C-alpha cells in the first residue's frame, strides 16, 4: 500500500492576506450532488460518484484512480486499517477493495443496509431488519448481532465512530449508545442529543457529541466530563453541529458561533480557547476540518467556509464554491478536501 504523500505547507509570508491559496486541484464535477463527506485513505480520496458508484481520486492531482459501479455509495463507505475500502452493493452485500488500486479483495452477502464505521479489525453496519452487526474484516467471520436502540429514520442512517473498544452510535432520535466492540453489549447510553444527524468524534479516551449541548464523555464508561449548552435558543433541536476532536482540543459550531475548547483529564468543565462569530446562522451540522495550523469552519447556512488559525482563532481567509448545498470537509496529509453540490476541490494548508 502506498503511504499518503504529504502536500507542502503554504507559506503565510508568501500568501496574499485574506485570500485563499490556489487549489492543489479541482474543483472537479465528479461527485453526486447530495452531501457526502470525502474519505481520504492513504494516496486516494474516495467520493460518492456522480454516476452513483464509488470513485477514487489521486490525492496529489485529482485524477481518477479507480471506480466501482457495483457499490451503492449512498449506503456509506469506510476504511479498514487505512488499507481497505469497503462499500455496500445494491443487494446488501459488502465489497472490499485495496484502496490504492481498486482491486477487489473479497465480497460477502450481509443483508447490509448502511455501513456505520470500521476499526482495524471489524466492520459495523445496520441490516434491513434494523439490527446492528459486526463482521471481522479480515476473516469475514460474524462477530455479533444485536438490535439497534434508535429506530430507522427517513433522514438516513445513524452516525457512528469507533475507538478504544467502543462503537459510539448517535441516532436521529437523539439517543447515543456506546457498544463494546468485542461483545456487542451496551457499555453506556444517553438520550436527548439532537435530531439532525450529528457525528460523534473520538480522541483518545474522550468522545464528543453534538446536539442541544456539546456533550463530552469518557469513552470507556460514559462518565460525564463536561458540557456546553447551545446558545441557539430559537432552535435547540439543532444546537451544536458535528464536532471535530484534535488531540485535547475540540472544534464545534453552535448556530452562528464557532468555538475551540480544551479538554483536561482532571477538570470537569470546558476550557474555551476562542470563539469566532460566523457570518450567518442556519441549520447546518457539517463538521469542521482541522489540518496543519488551520481550522476550516462551515457557515451554518452553507454560504462559505471560514478558515482560521486553529490556535488563536484569527481569521485567515474565506472559501466559497459556486454551487448549492452543504459543504462537506475531510483532511489528511496537509490537504483539505471539500465537496459541495457535486464538485470536489483539494486545498493546501498553512503549517503550525
Protein backbone atom coordinates (compact mmCIF):
# COMPACT_ATOMS: atom_id res chain seq x y z
CA UNK A 1 0.00 0.00 0.00
CA UNK A 2 1.22 3.47 -0.88
CA UNK A 3 1.55 5.85 2.05
CA UNK A 4 -0.25 9.19 1.98
CA UNK A 5 2.04 11.66 0.17
CA UNK A 6 2.13 14.90 2.11
CA UNK A 7 1.47 18.21 0.37
CA UNK A 8 3.79 21.12 1.05
CA UNK A 9 2.55 23.65 3.58
CA UNK A 10 1.59 27.06 2.21
CA UNK A 11 3.80 29.91 3.43
CA UNK A 12 1.85 32.61 5.24
CA UNK A 13 4.57 35.09 4.34
CA UNK A 14 4.22 34.41 0.62
CA UNK A 15 0.40 34.44 0.64
CA UNK A 16 -1.83 37.39 -0.08
CA UNK A 17 -3.58 38.45 3.12
CA UNK A 18 -7.22 37.42 3.25
CA UNK A 19 -7.04 35.37 0.04
CA UNK A 20 -7.27 31.58 -0.11
CA UNK A 21 -4.30 29.72 -1.57
CA UNK A 22 -4.55 28.26 -5.06
CA UNK A 23 -6.19 24.85 -5.18
CA UNK A 24 -3.95 21.82 -5.47
CA UNK A 25 -6.51 20.52 -7.95
CA UNK A 26 -10.16 20.94 -8.85
CA UNK A 27 -12.88 21.78 -8.49
CA UNK A 28 -13.92 18.65 -10.39
CA UNK A 29 -17.53 17.96 -11.30
CA UNK A 30 -17.42 14.23 -10.48
CA UNK A 31 -19.44 13.80 -7.27
CA UNK A 32 -23.09 13.09 -6.59
CA UNK A 33 -24.97 16.34 -5.86
CA UNK A 34 -26.09 15.06 -2.45
CA UNK A 35 -23.97 15.99 0.56
CA UNK A 36 -21.42 13.24 1.18
CA UNK A 37 -18.15 13.51 3.05
CA UNK A 38 -14.97 12.61 1.15
CA UNK A 39 -12.83 9.84 2.64
CA UNK A 40 -9.02 10.13 2.34
CA UNK A 41 -7.26 6.74 2.51
CA UNK A 42 -3.50 6.97 2.02
CA UNK A 43 -2.88 8.13 -1.58
CA UNK A 44 -6.52 8.32 -2.72
CA UNK A 45 -9.66 10.15 -1.67
CA UNK A 46 -12.98 8.32 -2.01
CA UNK A 47 -16.17 10.11 -3.04
CA UNK A 48 -19.77 9.28 -3.86
CA UNK A 49 -19.55 9.35 -7.66
CA UNK A 50 -21.84 11.33 -9.94
CA UNK A 51 -22.89 8.04 -11.53
CA UNK A 52 -23.90 6.62 -8.15
CA UNK A 53 -20.93 4.33 -7.50
CA UNK A 54 -17.70 4.78 -5.59
CA UNK A 55 -14.89 6.85 -7.11
CA UNK A 56 -11.23 7.00 -6.01
CA UNK A 57 -9.20 10.09 -6.96
CA UNK A 58 -5.47 10.60 -6.53
CA UNK A 59 -4.82 12.93 -3.61
CA UNK A 60 -1.95 14.59 -5.48
CA UNK A 61 -3.66 15.59 -8.74
CA UNK A 62 -7.33 14.55 -8.60
CA UNK A 63 -7.01 12.07 -11.47
CA UNK A 64 -9.30 9.09 -11.40
CA UNK A 65 -7.54 6.06 -9.91
CA UNK A 66 -10.44 3.61 -9.99
CA UNK A 67 -14.18 3.33 -9.60
CA UNK A 68 -16.77 0.70 -8.71
CA UNK A 69 -20.25 0.96 -10.15
CA UNK A 70 -21.23 -2.07 -8.03
CA UNK A 71 -21.05 -0.09 -4.78
CA UNK A 72 -24.14 1.87 -3.75
CA UNK A 73 -22.24 4.74 -2.16
CA UNK A 74 -25.37 6.23 -0.57
CA UNK A 75 -25.20 3.33 1.91
CA UNK A 76 -21.82 4.52 3.13
CA UNK A 77 -18.18 3.54 2.65
CA UNK A 78 -15.45 3.12 5.25
CA UNK A 79 -11.73 2.46 5.57
CA UNK A 80 -10.37 -0.56 7.45
CA UNK A 81 -6.93 -0.05 9.00
CA UNK A 82 -6.19 2.64 6.41
CA UNK A 83 -5.73 -0.14 3.82
CA UNK A 84 -9.08 -1.42 2.60
CA UNK A 85 -12.17 0.45 1.43
CA UNK A 86 -15.50 -1.31 1.99
CA UNK A 87 -18.87 -0.43 0.49
CA UNK A 88 -22.36 -1.91 0.17
CA UNK A 89 -23.77 -3.18 -3.12
CA UNK A 90 -27.43 -2.86 -4.12
CA UNK A 91 -28.20 -6.37 -2.88
CA UNK A 92 -26.89 -5.68 0.62
CA UNK A 93 -23.56 -7.39 0.09
CA UNK A 94 -20.28 -6.00 1.39
CA UNK A 95 -17.36 -5.48 -1.02
CA UNK A 96 -13.77 -4.73 -0.05
CA UNK A 97 -11.14 -3.13 -2.28
CA UNK A 98 -7.47 -2.27 -1.97
CA UNK A 99 -7.67 1.49 -1.51
CA UNK A 100 -4.83 2.48 -3.86
CA UNK A 101 -5.64 0.16 -6.77
CA UNK A 102 -9.31 -0.77 -6.55
CA UNK A 103 -8.52 -4.48 -6.67
CA UNK A 104 -11.43 -6.36 -5.14
CA UNK A 105 -10.26 -8.38 -2.13
CA UNK A 106 -13.49 -10.03 -1.05
CA UNK A 107 -17.27 -9.86 -1.15
CA UNK A 108 -19.89 -11.38 1.13
CA UNK A 109 -23.67 -11.43 1.45
CA UNK A 110 -24.57 -9.50 4.58
CA UNK A 111 -28.10 -8.03 4.34
CA UNK A 112 -26.39 -4.68 4.95
CA UNK A 113 -28.45 -1.51 4.74
CA UNK A 114 -25.86 1.07 5.84
CA UNK A 115 -22.19 0.96 6.84
CA UNK A 116 -21.68 2.93 10.05
CA UNK A 117 -17.99 2.61 10.91
CA UNK A 118 -14.89 0.43 10.92
CA UNK A 119 -11.77 -0.04 13.00
CA UNK A 120 -8.59 -2.01 12.32
CA UNK A 121 -10.35 -5.37 12.55
CA UNK A 122 -14.11 -5.08 12.12
CA UNK A 123 -16.97 -3.53 10.15
CA UNK A 124 -20.11 -2.23 11.84
CA UNK A 125 -23.34 -1.90 9.88
CA UNK A 126 -27.12 -1.94 10.12
CA UNK A 127 -29.30 -4.52 8.40
CA UNK A 128 -32.64 -4.34 6.61
CA UNK A 129 -34.43 -5.51 9.77
CA UNK A 130 -32.79 -2.73 11.87
CA UNK A 131 -30.17 -4.83 13.57
CA UNK A 132 -26.61 -3.72 14.35
CA UNK A 133 -23.99 -6.21 13.19
CA UNK A 134 -20.21 -6.63 13.39
CA UNK A 135 -18.14 -8.69 10.94
CA UNK A 136 -14.40 -9.37 11.03
CA UNK A 137 -12.95 -7.52 8.03
CA UNK A 138 -10.08 -10.00 7.55
CA UNK A 139 -11.62 -13.42 8.23
CA UNK A 140 -15.22 -12.40 7.32
CA UNK A 141 -16.45 -14.21 10.40
CA UNK A 142 -19.59 -12.79 12.07
CA UNK A 143 -18.75 -11.33 15.47
CA UNK A 144 -22.12 -10.35 16.90
CA UNK A 145 -25.61 -9.09 16.03
CA UNK A 146 -27.88 -7.04 18.28
CA UNK A 147 -30.93 -4.76 17.94
CA UNK A 148 -30.45 -1.08 17.16
CA UNK A 149 -31.62 1.15 20.02
CA UNK A 150 -32.64 4.01 17.72
CA UNK A 151 -35.33 3.28 15.13
CA UNK A 152 -34.65 3.57 11.41
CA UNK A 153 -35.04 7.16 10.14
CA UNK A 154 -36.12 8.53 6.76
CA UNK A 155 -33.36 11.14 7.17
CA UNK A 156 -30.68 8.47 6.73
CA UNK A 157 -28.64 6.00 8.76
CA UNK A 158 -27.41 6.67 12.26
CA UNK A 159 -23.92 8.18 12.65
CA UNK A 160 -21.11 6.43 14.44
CA UNK A 161 -17.42 6.47 15.37
CA UNK A 162 -15.06 3.87 16.85
CA UNK A 163 -12.14 4.00 19.25
CA UNK A 164 -10.54 2.02 22.08
CA UNK A 165 -13.01 -0.86 22.07
CA UNK A 166 -16.14 1.27 21.72
CA UNK A 167 -18.57 1.88 18.88
CA UNK A 168 -20.49 5.10 19.62
CA UNK A 169 -23.77 5.27 17.69
CA UNK A 170 -25.72 8.55 17.52
CA UNK A 171 -29.29 8.04 16.28
CA UNK A 172 -31.52 10.61 14.61
CA UNK A 173 -33.84 10.37 17.63
CA UNK A 174 -31.08 11.84 19.84
CA UNK A 175 -30.16 8.58 21.52
CA UNK A 176 -26.49 7.75 21.92
CA UNK A 177 -25.28 4.25 22.68
CA UNK A 178 -21.71 3.11 23.24
CA UNK A 179 -21.28 -0.55 22.34
CA UNK A 180 -18.46 -2.86 23.40
CA UNK A 181 -16.87 -3.80 20.06
CA UNK A 182 -15.86 -7.26 21.34
CA UNK A 183 -19.27 -8.39 22.57
CA UNK A 184 -21.91 -6.05 21.15
CA UNK A 185 -23.16 -5.30 24.66
CA UNK A 186 -24.13 -1.79 25.72
CA UNK A 187 -21.38 -0.07 27.68
CA UNK A 188 -23.35 3.14 28.32
CA UNK A 189 -26.08 5.27 26.77
CA UNK A 190 -27.84 8.61 26.97
CA UNK A 191 -30.62 10.45 25.15
CA UNK A 192 -31.62 13.95 24.11
CA UNK A 193 -28.55 14.61 21.93
CA UNK A 194 -30.14 16.20 18.87
CA UNK A 195 -32.11 15.15 15.83
CA UNK A 196 -30.01 16.42 12.92
CA UNK A 197 -27.51 13.64 12.36
CA UNK A 198 -24.53 14.88 14.33
CA UNK A 199 -21.48 12.64 14.00
CA UNK A 200 -19.54 11.65 17.16
CA UNK A 201 -15.85 12.50 17.32
CA UNK A 202 -13.36 10.47 19.35
CA UNK A 203 -9.91 11.50 20.56
CA UNK A 204 -8.00 9.23 22.91
CA UNK A 205 -10.24 8.26 25.82
CA UNK A 206 -12.83 11.00 25.13
CA UNK A 207 -15.91 11.21 22.91
CA UNK A 208 -17.57 14.48 21.82
CA UNK A 209 -21.23 14.69 20.83
CA UNK A 210 -23.16 17.47 19.13
CA UNK A 211 -26.79 18.35 19.90
CA UNK A 212 -28.60 20.71 22.29
CA UNK A 213 -25.38 20.56 24.30
CA UNK A 214 -21.83 19.86 23.26
CA UNK A 215 -21.57 16.76 25.40
CA UNK A 216 -18.20 15.33 26.44
CA UNK A 217 -17.94 11.86 27.97
CA UNK A 218 -15.21 9.44 28.85
CA UNK A 219 -15.26 6.82 26.17
CA UNK A 220 -14.96 3.59 28.15
CA UNK A 221 -17.67 4.00 30.77
CA UNK A 222 -19.51 7.14 29.65
CA UNK A 223 -18.56 9.12 32.76
CA UNK A 224 -19.58 12.77 32.44
CA UNK A 225 -16.70 15.11 31.64
CA UNK A 226 -18.28 18.46 30.71
CA UNK A 227 -20.90 20.04 28.50
CA UNK A 228 -21.75 23.39 26.93
CA UNK A 229 -25.40 24.20 26.31
CA UNK A 230 -26.40 25.67 22.96
CA UNK A 231 -26.97 29.40 22.71
CA UNK A 232 -29.09 28.94 19.59
CA UNK A 233 -32.23 29.42 21.63
CA UNK A 234 -34.55 29.68 18.64
CA UNK A 235 -33.96 26.06 17.64
CA UNK A 236 -32.44 23.78 20.23
CA UNK A 237 -33.24 20.73 18.10
CA UNK A 238 -30.19 21.73 16.03
CA UNK A 239 -27.83 23.17 18.60
CA UNK A 240 -24.21 22.12 18.24
CA UNK A 241 -23.23 20.60 14.92
CA UNK A 242 -20.90 17.66 14.45
CA UNK A 243 -17.71 18.30 16.48
CA UNK A 244 -14.12 17.63 15.38
CA UNK A 245 -11.61 16.48 18.01
CA UNK A 246 -7.93 17.31 17.56
CA UNK A 247 -5.77 15.95 20.35
CA UNK A 248 -7.03 17.51 23.58
CA UNK A 249 -9.00 20.20 21.68
CA UNK A 250 -12.42 20.11 20.06
CA UNK A 251 -13.82 22.43 17.38
CA UNK A 252 -17.59 22.79 17.04
CA UNK A 253 -20.18 25.21 15.67
CA UNK A 254 -23.22 26.40 17.62
CA UNK A 255 -25.57 28.45 15.44
CA UNK A 256 -23.57 31.47 14.30
CA UNK A 257 -20.54 30.88 16.53
CA UNK A 258 -17.56 28.57 16.12
CA UNK A 259 -15.63 27.52 19.22
CA UNK A 260 -12.45 25.79 20.25
CA UNK A 261 -12.45 24.12 23.67
CA UNK A 262 -9.63 22.45 25.53
CA UNK A 263 -10.27 19.25 27.46
CA UNK A 264 -8.21 18.40 30.54
CA UNK A 265 -8.47 14.96 32.09
CA UNK A 266 -8.71 16.26 35.65
CA UNK A 267 -11.06 19.22 35.01
CA UNK A 268 -14.81 18.69 34.59
CA UNK A 269 -15.51 21.91 32.72
CA UNK A 270 -14.84 23.28 29.27
CA UNK A 271 -11.79 25.42 28.69
CA UNK A 272 -12.78 27.82 25.92
CA UNK A 273 -9.77 28.85 23.86
CA UNK A 274 -11.59 31.14 21.42
CA UNK A 275 -14.95 31.95 19.82
CA UNK A 276 -15.40 33.16 16.25
CA UNK A 277 -18.76 34.64 15.14
CA UNK A 278 -19.69 33.30 11.72
CA UNK A 279 -21.47 35.48 9.21
CA UNK A 280 -24.78 33.64 9.14
CA UNK A 281 -26.93 31.33 11.21
CA UNK A 282 -28.92 28.37 9.96
CA UNK A 283 -29.40 24.64 10.37
CA UNK A 284 -26.17 23.14 9.09
CA UNK A 285 -24.32 20.50 11.06
CA UNK A 286 -21.19 19.96 8.95
CA UNK A 287 -18.10 19.14 10.98
CA UNK A 288 -15.10 21.48 10.86
CA UNK A 289 -11.82 20.25 9.38
CA UNK A 290 -8.55 20.70 11.27
CA UNK A 291 -5.24 20.35 9.44
CA UNK A 292 -1.81 21.87 9.91
CA UNK A 293 -2.24 25.16 11.72
CA UNK A 294 -5.75 25.78 10.40
CA UNK A 295 -9.39 25.11 11.29
CA UNK A 296 -11.98 25.16 8.49
CA UNK A 297 -15.41 26.25 9.72
CA UNK A 298 -18.51 25.80 7.52
CA UNK A 299 -21.06 28.59 7.99
CA UNK A 300 -24.33 27.15 9.17
CA UNK A 301 -26.33 28.49 6.22
CA UNK A 302 -23.86 26.78 3.86
CA UNK A 303 -22.74 30.11 2.43
CA UNK A 304 -18.98 29.71 2.83
CA UNK A 305 -16.19 28.14 4.84
CA UNK A 306 -14.22 30.41 7.15
CA UNK A 307 -10.59 29.41 7.69
CA UNK A 308 -8.88 30.47 10.91
CA UNK A 309 -5.67 29.92 12.83
CA UNK A 310 -6.57 26.89 14.93
CA UNK A 311 -4.66 28.12 17.99
CA UNK A 312 -5.72 31.77 18.11
CA UNK A 313 -8.95 31.78 16.07
CA UNK A 314 -7.64 34.65 13.91
CA UNK A 315 -9.32 34.85 10.51
CA UNK A 316 -7.10 33.84 7.58
CA UNK A 317 -9.39 33.68 4.54
CA UNK A 318 -12.81 32.60 3.22
CA UNK A 319 -13.51 29.81 0.72
CA UNK A 320 -16.63 29.66 -1.47
CA UNK A 321 -17.70 27.08 -4.02
CA UNK A 322 -20.20 28.26 -6.60
CA UNK A 323 -22.74 25.52 -6.02
CA UNK A 324 -25.75 24.93 -3.80
CA UNK A 325 -25.93 22.70 -0.75
CA UNK A 326 -23.88 21.80 2.27
CA UNK A 327 -20.11 21.82 2.43
CA UNK A 328 -18.52 18.54 3.47
CA UNK A 329 -14.89 18.55 4.58
CA UNK A 330 -12.17 16.00 5.23
CA UNK A 331 -8.45 16.48 5.76
CA UNK A 332 -5.24 14.48 5.62
CA UNK A 333 -1.53 14.90 4.86
CA UNK A 334 -1.62 18.72 4.72
CA UNK A 335 -4.68 18.86 2.46
CA UNK A 336 -8.32 19.74 2.95
CA UNK A 337 -10.84 18.09 0.63
CA UNK A 338 -14.10 19.96 0.16
CA UNK A 339 -17.27 18.84 -1.62
CA UNK A 340 -20.37 20.85 -2.45
CA UNK A 341 -23.14 20.38 -4.99
CA UNK A 342 -21.34 17.70 -6.99
CA UNK A 343 -17.87 19.22 -7.00
CA UNK A 344 -14.70 18.40 -5.09
CA UNK A 345 -11.58 20.53 -4.60
CA UNK A 346 -8.30 19.91 -2.76
CA UNK A 347 -6.68 22.86 -0.97
CA UNK A 348 -3.34 23.24 0.82
CA UNK A 349 -2.99 24.48 4.39
CA UNK A 350 -0.69 26.68 6.46
CA UNK A 351 1.68 24.92 8.84
CA UNK A 352 1.52 25.15 12.61
